[in-house]
Amino acid sequence: MRLPWWGVLCVMLGTLPVLLLFDHFGKLALARPTLFSVATIAITVAMRWKLRRRVWFWMTIVAFAALHVALILSVPWTDTWIPALAIAPVLIADSYAMLWAISLVARRMGEPTTANEG
């Protein structure tokens, strides 16, 4: 997956209002985990985009979003710098966990499990 230059520009410009909103309410420390959660969920949705017409898929994504909101609000976050090498494994594990759960729900709903069957 690769974004075109205008996609990268849109992402960069889209983060600015989020940062300003959190800064306005004095919760700037919540901006980074919120943006990372949104990005991780968006990438996971993009990876399983072929399931977009399934109601159960979107219900699962909403459940993940609710879990992320609960996590963001329950952890005392800091606004100090954290290296990307420390954050990336957590985001990858989060995405893998969501992909695994989606595959479990898909199997439960009787969806094909391989790309050739879809």
C-alpha atoms as a PDB file:
ATOM      1  CA  MET A   1       0.000   0.000   0.000  1.00  0.00           C
ATOM      2  CA  ARG A   2       1.285   3.407  -0.898  1.00  0.00           C
ATOM      3  CA  LEU A   3      -0.367   6.799  -0.737  1.00  0.00           C
ATOM      4  CA  PRO A   4       0.062   9.258  -3.591  1.00  0.00           C
ATOM      5  CA  TRP A   5       1.596  12.632  -2.770  1.00  0.00           C
ATOM      6  CA  TRP A   6      -1.812  14.259  -2.451  1.00  0.00           C
ATOM      7  CA  GLY A   7      -2.904  11.520  -0.034  1.00  0.00           C
ATOM      8  CA  VAL A   8       0.093  12.232   2.186  1.00  0.00           C
ATOM      9  CA  LEU A   9      -0.728  15.946   2.018  1.00  0.00           C
ATOM     10  CA  CYS A  10      -4.336  15.256   3.013  1.00  0.00           C
ATOM     11  CA  VAL A  11      -3.209  13.153   5.973  1.00  0.00           C
ATOM     12  CA  MET A  12      -0.810  15.860   7.108  1.00  0.00           C
ATOM     13  CA  LEU A  13      -3.442  18.591   6.770  1.00  0.00           C
ATOM     14  CA  GLY A  14      -6.037  16.351   8.436  1.00  0.00           C
ATOM     15  CA  THR A  15      -3.930  15.921  11.550  1.00  0.00           C
ATOM     16  CA  LEU A  16      -3.633  19.662  12.093  1.00  0.00           C
ATOM     17  CA  PRO A  17      -7.271  20.213  13.206  1.00  0.00           C
ATOM     18  CA  VAL A  18      -7.006  17.214  15.549  1.00  0.00           C
ATOM     19  CA  LEU A  19      -3.863  18.633  17.149  1.00  0.00           C
ATOM     20  CA  LEU A  20      -5.419  22.083  17.456  1.00  0.00           C
ATOM     21  CA  LEU A  21      -8.603  20.647  18.959  1.00  0.00           C
ATOM     22  CA  PHE A  22      -6.758  18.641  21.606  1.00  0.00           C
ATOM     23  CA  ASP A  23      -4.485  21.609  22.335  1.00  0.00           C
ATOM     24  CA  HIS A  24      -7.487  23.900  22.715  1.00  0.00           C
ATOM     25  CA  PHE A  25      -8.981  21.634  25.370  1.00  0.00           C
ATOM     26  CA  GLY A  26      -5.631  21.158  27.120  1.00  0.00           C
ATOM     27  CA  LYS A  27      -5.382  17.460  26.254  1.00  0.00           C
ATOM     28  CA  LEU A  28      -2.504  17.536  23.770  1.00  0.00           C
ATOM     29  CA  ALA A  29      -1.112  14.305  25.247  1.00  0.00           C
ATOM     30  CA  LEU A  30      -4.172  12.465  23.868  1.00  0.00           C
ATOM     31  CA  ALA A  31      -3.576  13.642  20.282  1.00  0.00           C
ATOM     32  CA  ARG A  32      -0.789  11.214  19.442  1.00  0.00           C
ATOM     33  CA  PRO A  33      -2.504   8.022  20.674  1.00  0.00           C
ATOM     34  CA  THR A  34      -5.735   9.147  19.002  1.00  0.00           C
ATOM     35  CA  LEU A  35      -4.039   9.730  15.655  1.00  0.00           C
ATOM     36  CA  PHE A  36      -2.138   6.455  15.905  1.00  0.00           C
ATOM     37  CA  SER A  37      -5.344   4.566  16.725  1.00  0.00           C
ATOM     38  CA  VAL A  38      -7.203   6.144  13.819  1.00  0.00           C
ATOM     39  CA  ALA A  39      -4.325   5.330  11.466  1.00  0.00           C
ATOM     40  CA  THR A  40      -4.075   1.730  12.663  1.00  0.00           C
ATOM     41  CA  ILE A  41      -7.805   1.154  12.308  1.00  0.00           C
ATOM     42  CA  ALA A  42      -7.802   2.817   8.868  1.00  0.00           C
ATOM     43  CA  ILE A  43      -4.939   0.635   7.663  1.00  0.00           C
ATOM     44  CA  THR A  44      -6.684  -2.468   8.994  1.00  0.00           C
ATOM     45  CA  VAL A  45      -9.898  -1.486   7.192  1.00  0.00           C
ATOM     46  CA  ALA A  46      -7.912  -0.882   3.996  1.00  0.00           C
ATOM     47  CA  MET A  47      -6.342  -4.328   4.285  1.00  0.00           C
ATOM     48  CA  ARG A  48      -9.791  -5.957   4.518  1.00  0.00           C
ATOM     49  CA  TRP A  49     -11.628  -3.577   2.174  1.00  0.00           C
ATOM     50  CA  LYS A  50     -13.186  -6.502   0.292  1.00  0.00           C
ATOM     51  CA  LEU A  51     -15.417  -7.025   3.346  1.00  0.00           C
ATOM     52  CA  ARG A  52     -16.790  -3.463   3.240  1.00  0.00           C
ATOM     53  CA  ARG A  53     -20.274  -4.592   2.216  1.00  0.00           C
ATOM     54  CA  ARG A  54     -20.668  -6.772   5.297  1.00  0.00           C
ATOM     55  CA  VAL A  55     -22.510  -5.312   8.277  1.00  0.00           C
ATOM     56  CA  TRP A  56     -20.647  -7.584  10.687  1.00  0.00           C
ATOM     57  CA  PHE A  57     -17.336  -6.138   9.441  1.00  0.00           C
ATOM     58  CA  TRP A  58     -18.349  -2.578  10.286  1.00  0.00           C
ATOM     59  CA  MET A  59     -19.776  -3.677  13.634  1.00  0.00           C
ATOM     60  CA  THR A  60     -16.407  -5.280  14.398  1.00  0.00           C
ATOM     61  CA  ILE A  61     -14.582  -2.086  13.399  1.00  0.00           C
ATOM     62  CA  VAL A  62     -16.891  -0.022  15.630  1.00  0.00           C
ATOM     63  CA  ALA A  63     -16.115  -2.396  18.507  1.00  0.00           C
ATOM     64  CA  PHE A  64     -12.377  -1.919  17.879  1.00  0.00           C
ATOM     65  CA  ALA A  65     -12.839   1.845  17.804  1.00  0.00           C
ATOM     66  CA  ALA A  66     -14.706   1.717  21.121  1.00  0.00           C
ATOM     67  CA  LEU A  67     -11.918  -0.379  22.643  1.00  0.00           C
ATOM     68  CA  HIS A  68      -9.350   2.126  21.411  1.00  0.00           C
ATOM     69  CA  VAL A  69     -11.314   5.038  22.896  1.00  0.00           C
ATOM     70  CA  ALA A  70     -11.504   3.228  26.236  1.00  0.00           C
ATOM     71  CA  LEU A  71      -7.760   2.554  26.139  1.00  0.00           C
ATOM     72  CA  ILE A  72      -6.911   6.133  25.214  1.00  0.00           C
ATOM     73  CA  LEU A  73      -9.042   7.517  28.038  1.00  0.00           C
ATOM     74  CA  SER A  74      -7.811   5.068  30.669  1.00  0.00           C
ATOM     75  CA  VAL A  75      -4.033   5.314  30.160  1.00  0.00           C
ATOM     76  CA  PRO A  76      -2.085   8.324  31.494  1.00  0.00           C
ATOM     77  CA  TRP A  77      -0.386   9.481  28.261  1.00  0.00           C
ATOM     78  CA  THR A  78       2.601  11.777  28.013  1.00  0.00           C
ATOM     79  CA  ASP A  79       3.356  14.376  25.371  1.00  0.00           C
ATOM     80  CA  THR A  80       7.105  13.776  25.509  1.00  0.00           C
ATOM     81  CA  TRP A  81       8.913  12.393  22.492  1.00  0.00           C
ATOM     82  CA  ILE A  82       8.853   8.629  22.022  1.00  0.00           C
ATOM     83  CA  PRO A  83      10.985   7.038  19.279  1.00  0.00           C
ATOM     84  CA  ALA A  84       9.158   5.502  16.340  1.00  0.00           C
ATOM     85  CA  LEU A  85      11.013   2.226  16.906  1.00  0.00           C
ATOM     86  CA  ALA A  86       9.251   1.959  20.262  1.00  0.00           C
ATOM     87  CA  ILE A  87       5.791   2.792  18.893  1.00  0.00           C
ATOM     88  CA  ALA A  88       5.835   0.818  15.628  1.00  0.00           C
ATOM     89  CA  PRO A  89       5.856  -2.703  17.175  1.00  0.00           C
ATOM     90  CA  VAL A  90       2.851  -1.807  19.335  1.00  0.00           C
ATOM     91  CA  LEU A  91       0.915  -0.491  16.324  1.00  0.00           C
ATOM     92  CA  ILE A  92       1.829  -3.556  14.251  1.00  0.00           C
ATOM     93  CA  ALA A  93       0.726  -5.885  17.042  1.00  0.00           C
ATOM     94  CA  ASP A  94      -2.513  -3.919  17.356  1.00  0.00           C
ATOM     95  CA  SER A  95      -3.182  -4.243  13.634  1.00  0.00           C
ATOM     96  CA  TYR A  96      -2.392  -7.974  13.671  1.00  0.00           C
ATOM     97  CA  ALA A  97      -4.747  -8.473  16.606  1.00  0.00           C
ATOM     98  CA  MET A  98      -7.538  -6.685  14.740  1.00  0.00           C
ATOM     99  CA  LEU A  99      -6.862  -8.685  11.560  1.00  0.00           C
ATOM    100  CA  TRP A 100      -6.921 -11.912  13.560  1.00  0.00           C
ATOM    101  CA  ALA A 101     -10.215 -10.971  15.221  1.00  0.00           C
ATOM    102  CA  ILE A 102     -11.732 -10.005  11.859  1.00  0.00           C
ATOM    103  CA  SER A 103     -10.700 -13.373  10.439  1.00  0.00           C
ATOM    104  CA  LEU A 104     -12.320 -15.134  13.405  1.00  0.00           C
ATOM    105  CA  VAL A 105     -15.558 -13.217  12.913  1.00  0.00           C
ATOM    106  CA  ALA A 106     -15.397 -13.872   9.158  1.00  0.00           C
ATOM    107  CA  ARG A 107     -14.999 -17.586   9.763  1.00  0.00           C
ATOM    108  CA  ARG A 108     -17.908 -17.493  12.204  1.00  0.00           C
ATOM    109  CA  MET A 109     -20.038 -15.720   9.591  1.00  0.00           C
ATOM    110  CA  GLY A 110     -19.180 -18.308   6.951  1.00  0.00           C
ATOM    111  CA  GLU A 111     -16.985 -16.043   4.799  1.00  0.00           C
ATOM    112  CA  PRO A 112     -14.285 -17.552   2.576  1.00  0.00           C
ATOM    113  CA  THR A 113     -10.944 -17.681   4.396  1.00  0.00           C
ATOM    114  CA  THR A 114      -8.599 -17.542   1.410  1.00  0.00           C
ATOM    115  CA  ALA A 115      -8.190 -14.918  -1.299  1.00  0.00           C
ATOM    116  CA  ASN A 116      -8.990 -17.462  -4.027  1.00  0.00           C
ATOM    117  CA  GLU A 117     -12.436 -18.214  -2.616  1.00  0.00           C
ATOM    118  CA  GLY A 118     -13.605 -14.573  -2.461  1.00  0.00           C
END
